[in-house]
Amino acid sequence: GVVQTSTEKGLAQVITPFIDKLIGEIERMDSLLSKKISHKVEKVILTGGTANLPGITEYLSRRLGVEVIIGNPLSQIKFNTELEPVFRRELSPTLAVAVGLAMREL
């Protein structure tokens, strides 16, 4: 499953069907992409709050058969170095849309 610890197994039972639906959508897009331009998905970049779920990248990678990484929309942004690295790492995936809009000045 997605989450490995015993205290999170109930959560995993609730979340796994939604993650499996996401996997189905990725597979559907991969199929459409390969038909249109003869190209397969080689890597998945995961963003949003779901990216912080323990074990999610491993689960998706195992199910999809491709590398899955957590996107870091803050990687090219300068900010206060006093901001805790753990906070940046955990917050970063949830900021993808906001950072993208800010970069486009919307």
N, C-alpha and C. Protein backbone atom coordinates (compact mmCIF):
# COMPACT_ATOMS: atom_id res chain seq x y z
N GLY A 1 0.80 -1.18 0.00
CA GLY A 1 0.00 0.00 0.00
C GLY A 1 0.85 1.26 0.00
N VAL A 2 0.19 2.36 0.07
CA VAL A 2 0.85 3.65 0.03
C VAL A 2 1.62 3.91 1.32
N VAL A 3 0.99 3.77 2.46
CA VAL A 3 1.58 4.12 3.73
C VAL A 3 2.00 2.85 4.45
N GLN A 4 3.16 2.86 5.10
CA GLN A 4 3.74 1.64 5.62
C GLN A 4 3.53 1.39 7.12
N THR A 5 3.44 2.39 7.96
CA THR A 5 3.38 2.17 9.40
C THR A 5 2.00 1.66 9.82
N SER A 6 1.98 0.93 10.94
CA SER A 6 0.72 0.33 11.39
C SER A 6 -0.32 1.38 11.77
N THR A 7 0.11 2.52 12.30
CA THR A 7 -0.85 3.56 12.69
C THR A 7 -1.47 4.25 11.49
N GLU A 8 -0.88 4.10 10.33
CA GLU A 8 -1.39 4.77 9.13
C GLU A 8 -2.13 3.81 8.19
N LYS A 9 -2.29 2.54 8.58
CA LYS A 9 -2.93 1.57 7.69
C LYS A 9 -4.38 1.94 7.37
N GLY A 10 -5.12 2.45 8.35
CA GLY A 10 -6.50 2.87 8.09
C GLY A 10 -6.55 3.99 7.08
N LEU A 11 -5.63 4.93 7.21
CA LEU A 11 -5.53 6.02 6.25
C LEU A 11 -5.20 5.49 4.86
N ALA A 12 -4.30 4.52 4.80
CA ALA A 12 -3.92 3.94 3.51
C ALA A 12 -5.12 3.29 2.84
N GLN A 13 -5.98 2.63 3.63
CA GLN A 13 -7.16 1.99 3.05
C GLN A 13 -8.10 3.02 2.43
N VAL A 14 -8.15 4.19 3.01
CA VAL A 14 -9.01 5.26 2.48
C VAL A 14 -8.37 5.91 1.26
N ILE A 15 -7.08 6.16 1.32
CA ILE A 15 -6.38 6.90 0.27
C ILE A 15 -6.07 6.06 -0.96
N THR A 16 -5.76 4.79 -0.78
CA THR A 16 -5.33 3.95 -1.90
C THR A 16 -6.28 3.96 -3.09
N PRO A 17 -7.60 3.89 -2.91
CA PRO A 17 -8.49 3.95 -4.08
C PRO A 17 -8.33 5.25 -4.89
N PHE A 18 -8.10 6.36 -4.20
CA PHE A 18 -7.90 7.63 -4.90
C PHE A 18 -6.56 7.65 -5.64
N ILE A 19 -5.54 7.09 -5.02
CA ILE A 19 -4.23 7.00 -5.65
C ILE A 19 -4.32 6.08 -6.87
N ASP A 20 -5.06 4.98 -6.73
CA ASP A 20 -5.23 4.06 -7.86
C ASP A 20 -5.97 4.73 -9.01
N LYS A 21 -6.91 5.62 -8.70
CA LYS A 21 -7.60 6.38 -9.75
C LYS A 21 -6.61 7.31 -10.45
N LEU A 22 -5.73 7.94 -9.68
CA LEU A 22 -4.68 8.78 -10.25
C LEU A 22 -3.79 7.95 -11.18
N ILE A 23 -3.44 6.76 -10.75
CA ILE A 23 -2.61 5.87 -11.57
C ILE A 23 -3.33 5.55 -12.88
N GLY A 24 -4.63 5.28 -12.80
CA GLY A 24 -5.41 5.02 -14.00
C GLY A 24 -5.38 6.19 -14.97
N GLU A 25 -5.47 7.41 -14.45
CA GLU A 25 -5.42 8.61 -15.30
C GLU A 25 -4.04 8.78 -15.93
N ILE A 26 -2.99 8.52 -15.16
CA ILE A 26 -1.64 8.61 -15.71
C ILE A 26 -1.46 7.58 -16.82
N GLU A 27 -1.95 6.37 -16.60
CA GLU A 27 -1.85 5.32 -17.62
C GLU A 27 -2.66 5.69 -18.86
N ARG A 28 -3.82 6.29 -18.66
CA ARG A 28 -4.65 6.71 -19.80
C ARG A 28 -3.94 7.79 -20.61
N MET A 29 -3.36 8.77 -19.92
CA MET A 29 -2.62 9.84 -20.62
C MET A 29 -1.39 9.28 -21.33
N ASP A 30 -0.74 8.31 -20.70
CA ASP A 30 0.42 7.67 -21.32
C ASP A 30 0.00 6.97 -22.61
N SER A 31 -1.13 6.29 -22.58
CA SER A 31 -1.63 5.60 -23.76
C SER A 31 -1.96 6.59 -24.87
N LEU A 32 -2.64 7.68 -24.53
CA LEU A 32 -2.96 8.71 -25.53
C LEU A 32 -1.70 9.34 -26.10
N LEU A 33 -0.75 9.62 -25.24
CA LEU A 33 0.51 10.22 -25.67
C LEU A 33 1.26 9.30 -26.63
N SER A 34 1.29 8.02 -26.31
CA SER A 34 2.02 7.09 -27.17
C SER A 34 1.33 6.92 -28.53
N LYS A 35 0.00 7.04 -28.57
CA LYS A 35 -0.72 6.95 -29.84
C LYS A 35 -0.52 8.21 -30.69
N LYS A 36 -0.52 9.37 -30.04
CA LYS A 36 -0.42 10.64 -30.77
C LYS A 36 0.99 10.94 -31.27
N ILE A 37 1.98 10.74 -30.42
CA ILE A 37 3.34 11.13 -30.82
C ILE A 37 4.38 10.03 -30.60
N SER A 38 3.92 8.82 -30.42
CA SER A 38 4.82 7.67 -30.22
C SER A 38 5.83 7.92 -29.11
N HIS A 39 5.36 8.43 -27.99
CA HIS A 39 6.24 8.70 -26.86
C HIS A 39 5.58 8.20 -25.58
N LYS A 40 6.34 7.56 -24.72
CA LYS A 40 5.83 7.03 -23.46
C LYS A 40 6.30 7.91 -22.30
N VAL A 41 5.51 7.93 -21.24
CA VAL A 41 5.90 8.63 -20.02
C VAL A 41 7.12 7.91 -19.43
N GLU A 42 8.18 8.67 -19.18
CA GLU A 42 9.41 8.09 -18.63
C GLU A 42 9.62 8.44 -17.17
N LYS A 43 8.98 9.52 -16.71
CA LYS A 43 9.16 9.97 -15.33
C LYS A 43 7.91 10.74 -14.91
N VAL A 44 7.52 10.59 -13.67
CA VAL A 44 6.40 11.33 -13.11
C VAL A 44 6.94 12.27 -12.05
N ILE A 45 6.57 13.54 -12.14
CA ILE A 45 6.95 14.53 -11.14
C ILE A 45 5.70 14.84 -10.33
N LEU A 46 5.72 14.46 -9.08
CA LEU A 46 4.56 14.58 -8.20
C LEU A 46 4.63 15.88 -7.42
N THR A 47 3.53 16.65 -7.44
CA THR A 47 3.45 17.88 -6.66
C THR A 47 2.13 17.88 -5.89
N GLY A 48 1.96 18.86 -5.04
CA GLY A 48 0.75 18.96 -4.25
C GLY A 48 0.92 18.27 -2.91
N GLY A 49 -0.06 18.39 -2.07
CA GLY A 49 0.01 17.82 -0.73
C GLY A 49 0.18 16.32 -0.71
N THR A 50 -0.35 15.63 -1.71
CA THR A 50 -0.22 14.18 -1.80
C THR A 50 1.24 13.75 -1.88
N ALA A 51 2.08 14.59 -2.41
CA ALA A 51 3.51 14.26 -2.54
C ALA A 51 4.16 14.02 -1.19
N ASN A 52 3.57 14.52 -0.12
CA ASN A 52 4.13 14.34 1.22
C ASN A 52 3.68 13.06 1.92
N LEU A 53 2.83 12.28 1.28
CA LEU A 53 2.40 11.02 1.89
C LEU A 53 3.58 10.06 1.98
N PRO A 54 3.82 9.47 3.14
CA PRO A 54 4.92 8.51 3.26
C PRO A 54 4.74 7.34 2.29
N GLY A 55 5.77 7.05 1.53
CA GLY A 55 5.76 5.90 0.62
C GLY A 55 5.09 6.12 -0.71
N ILE A 56 4.56 7.32 -0.96
CA ILE A 56 3.79 7.55 -2.19
C ILE A 56 4.64 7.42 -3.45
N THR A 57 5.86 7.95 -3.42
CA THR A 57 6.68 7.88 -4.64
C THR A 57 7.04 6.43 -4.96
N GLU A 58 7.35 5.65 -3.93
CA GLU A 58 7.68 4.25 -4.15
C GLU A 58 6.48 3.47 -4.68
N TYR A 59 5.31 3.73 -4.11
CA TYR A 59 4.09 3.05 -4.53
C TYR A 59 3.77 3.37 -5.99
N LEU A 60 3.80 4.65 -6.34
CA LEU A 60 3.51 5.04 -7.72
C LEU A 60 4.54 4.47 -8.68
N SER A 61 5.80 4.52 -8.31
CA SER A 61 6.86 4.00 -9.17
C SER A 61 6.67 2.50 -9.42
N ARG A 62 6.37 1.78 -8.36
CA ARG A 62 6.15 0.34 -8.48
C ARG A 62 4.95 0.04 -9.38
N ARG A 63 3.87 0.78 -9.21
CA ARG A 63 2.65 0.55 -9.99
C ARG A 63 2.78 0.99 -11.45
N LEU A 64 3.50 2.10 -11.68
CA LEU A 64 3.61 2.66 -13.04
C LEU A 64 4.81 2.13 -13.81
N GLY A 65 5.80 1.62 -13.09
CA GLY A 65 7.00 1.12 -13.75
C GLY A 65 7.91 2.21 -14.28
N VAL A 66 7.81 3.42 -13.71
CA VAL A 66 8.67 4.54 -14.10
C VAL A 66 9.16 5.24 -12.83
N GLU A 67 10.18 6.07 -12.99
CA GLU A 67 10.69 6.85 -11.87
C GLU A 67 9.65 7.89 -11.46
N VAL A 68 9.44 8.04 -10.17
CA VAL A 68 8.54 9.06 -9.63
C VAL A 68 9.34 9.90 -8.64
N ILE A 69 9.35 11.21 -8.86
CA ILE A 69 10.06 12.11 -7.96
C ILE A 69 9.10 13.19 -7.46
N ILE A 70 9.47 13.82 -6.37
CA ILE A 70 8.69 14.93 -5.84
C ILE A 70 9.22 16.22 -6.44
N GLY A 71 8.35 16.97 -7.09
CA GLY A 71 8.74 18.24 -7.69
C GLY A 71 9.03 19.29 -6.63
N ASN A 72 9.97 20.15 -6.92
CA ASN A 72 10.33 21.22 -6.00
C ASN A 72 10.21 22.56 -6.71
N PRO A 73 9.04 23.19 -6.64
CA PRO A 73 8.86 24.46 -7.33
C PRO A 73 9.70 25.59 -6.74
N LEU A 74 10.29 25.37 -5.58
CA LEU A 74 11.12 26.40 -4.96
C LEU A 74 12.59 26.30 -5.36
N SER A 75 12.93 25.33 -6.18
CA SER A 75 14.35 25.08 -6.49
C SER A 75 15.03 26.26 -7.16
N GLN A 76 14.31 27.07 -7.90
CA GLN A 76 14.91 28.20 -8.60
C GLN A 76 14.56 29.55 -7.97
N ILE A 77 14.05 29.51 -6.74
CA ILE A 77 13.62 30.73 -6.08
C ILE A 77 14.53 31.03 -4.89
N LYS A 78 14.94 32.28 -4.78
CA LYS A 78 15.74 32.71 -3.63
C LYS A 78 14.80 33.12 -2.51
N PHE A 79 15.11 32.68 -1.30
CA PHE A 79 14.30 33.02 -0.14
C PHE A 79 15.18 33.04 1.10
N ASN A 80 14.61 33.43 2.20
CA ASN A 80 15.32 33.54 3.46
C ASN A 80 15.97 32.21 3.82
N THR A 81 17.28 32.21 4.01
CA THR A 81 18.00 30.97 4.32
C THR A 81 17.72 30.47 5.74
N GLU A 82 17.09 31.30 6.57
CA GLU A 82 16.75 30.87 7.92
C GLU A 82 15.53 29.94 7.94
N LEU A 83 14.82 29.88 6.84
CA LEU A 83 13.67 28.99 6.75
C LEU A 83 14.17 27.55 6.88
N GLU A 84 13.61 26.81 7.80
CA GLU A 84 14.06 25.45 8.07
C GLU A 84 14.01 24.58 6.82
N PRO A 85 15.09 23.82 6.54
CA PRO A 85 15.11 22.94 5.37
C PRO A 85 13.97 21.93 5.36
N VAL A 86 13.61 21.39 6.53
CA VAL A 86 12.51 20.43 6.59
C VAL A 86 11.20 21.11 6.20
N PHE A 87 11.00 22.32 6.69
CA PHE A 87 9.80 23.08 6.35
C PHE A 87 9.74 23.33 4.85
N ARG A 88 10.87 23.74 4.26
CA ARG A 88 10.91 23.98 2.81
C ARG A 88 10.59 22.70 2.05
N ARG A 89 11.18 21.58 2.47
CA ARG A 89 10.98 20.31 1.77
C ARG A 89 9.53 19.88 1.84
N GLU A 90 8.90 20.03 3.01
CA GLU A 90 7.51 19.60 3.18
C GLU A 90 6.53 20.57 2.54
N LEU A 91 6.83 21.85 2.56
CA LEU A 91 5.94 22.86 2.01
C LEU A 91 6.05 22.95 0.49
N SER A 92 7.22 22.74 -0.03
CA SER A 92 7.50 22.94 -1.45
C SER A 92 6.50 22.29 -2.40
N PRO A 93 6.19 20.99 -2.26
CA PRO A 93 5.27 20.38 -3.23
C PRO A 93 3.89 21.02 -3.25
N THR A 94 3.47 21.60 -2.14
CA THR A 94 2.13 22.19 -2.08
C THR A 94 2.05 23.56 -2.73
N LEU A 95 3.19 24.11 -3.11
CA LEU A 95 3.22 25.46 -3.66
C LEU A 95 3.35 25.51 -5.18
N ALA A 96 3.27 24.39 -5.86
CA ALA A 96 3.52 24.36 -7.31
C ALA A 96 2.63 25.32 -8.08
N VAL A 97 1.34 25.30 -7.83
CA VAL A 97 0.42 26.17 -8.56
C VAL A 97 0.67 27.64 -8.21
N ALA A 98 0.81 27.93 -6.93
CA ALA A 98 1.04 29.32 -6.51
C ALA A 98 2.33 29.87 -7.09
N VAL A 99 3.39 29.09 -7.06
CA VAL A 99 4.68 29.54 -7.60
C VAL A 99 4.57 29.74 -9.11
N GLY A 100 3.92 28.81 -9.79
CA GLY A 100 3.74 28.95 -11.24
C GLY A 100 2.98 30.20 -11.61
N LEU A 101 1.91 30.49 -10.90
CA LEU A 101 1.13 31.70 -11.17
C LEU A 101 1.94 32.95 -10.85
N ALA A 102 2.68 32.93 -9.76
CA ALA A 102 3.50 34.09 -9.40
C ALA A 102 4.57 34.34 -10.46
N MET A 103 5.14 33.28 -10.99
CA MET A 103 6.18 33.43 -12.01
C MET A 103 5.61 34.01 -13.30
N ARG A 104 4.33 33.76 -13.53
CA ARG A 104 3.67 34.31 -14.72
C ARG A 104 3.05 35.66 -14.42
N GLU A 105 3.22 36.12 -13.19
CA GLU A 105 2.70 37.40 -12.71
C GLU A 105 1.18 37.49 -12.82
N LEU A 106 0.51 36.39 -12.48
CA LEU A 106 -0.96 36.37 -12.49
C LEU A 106 -1.51 36.64 -11.11
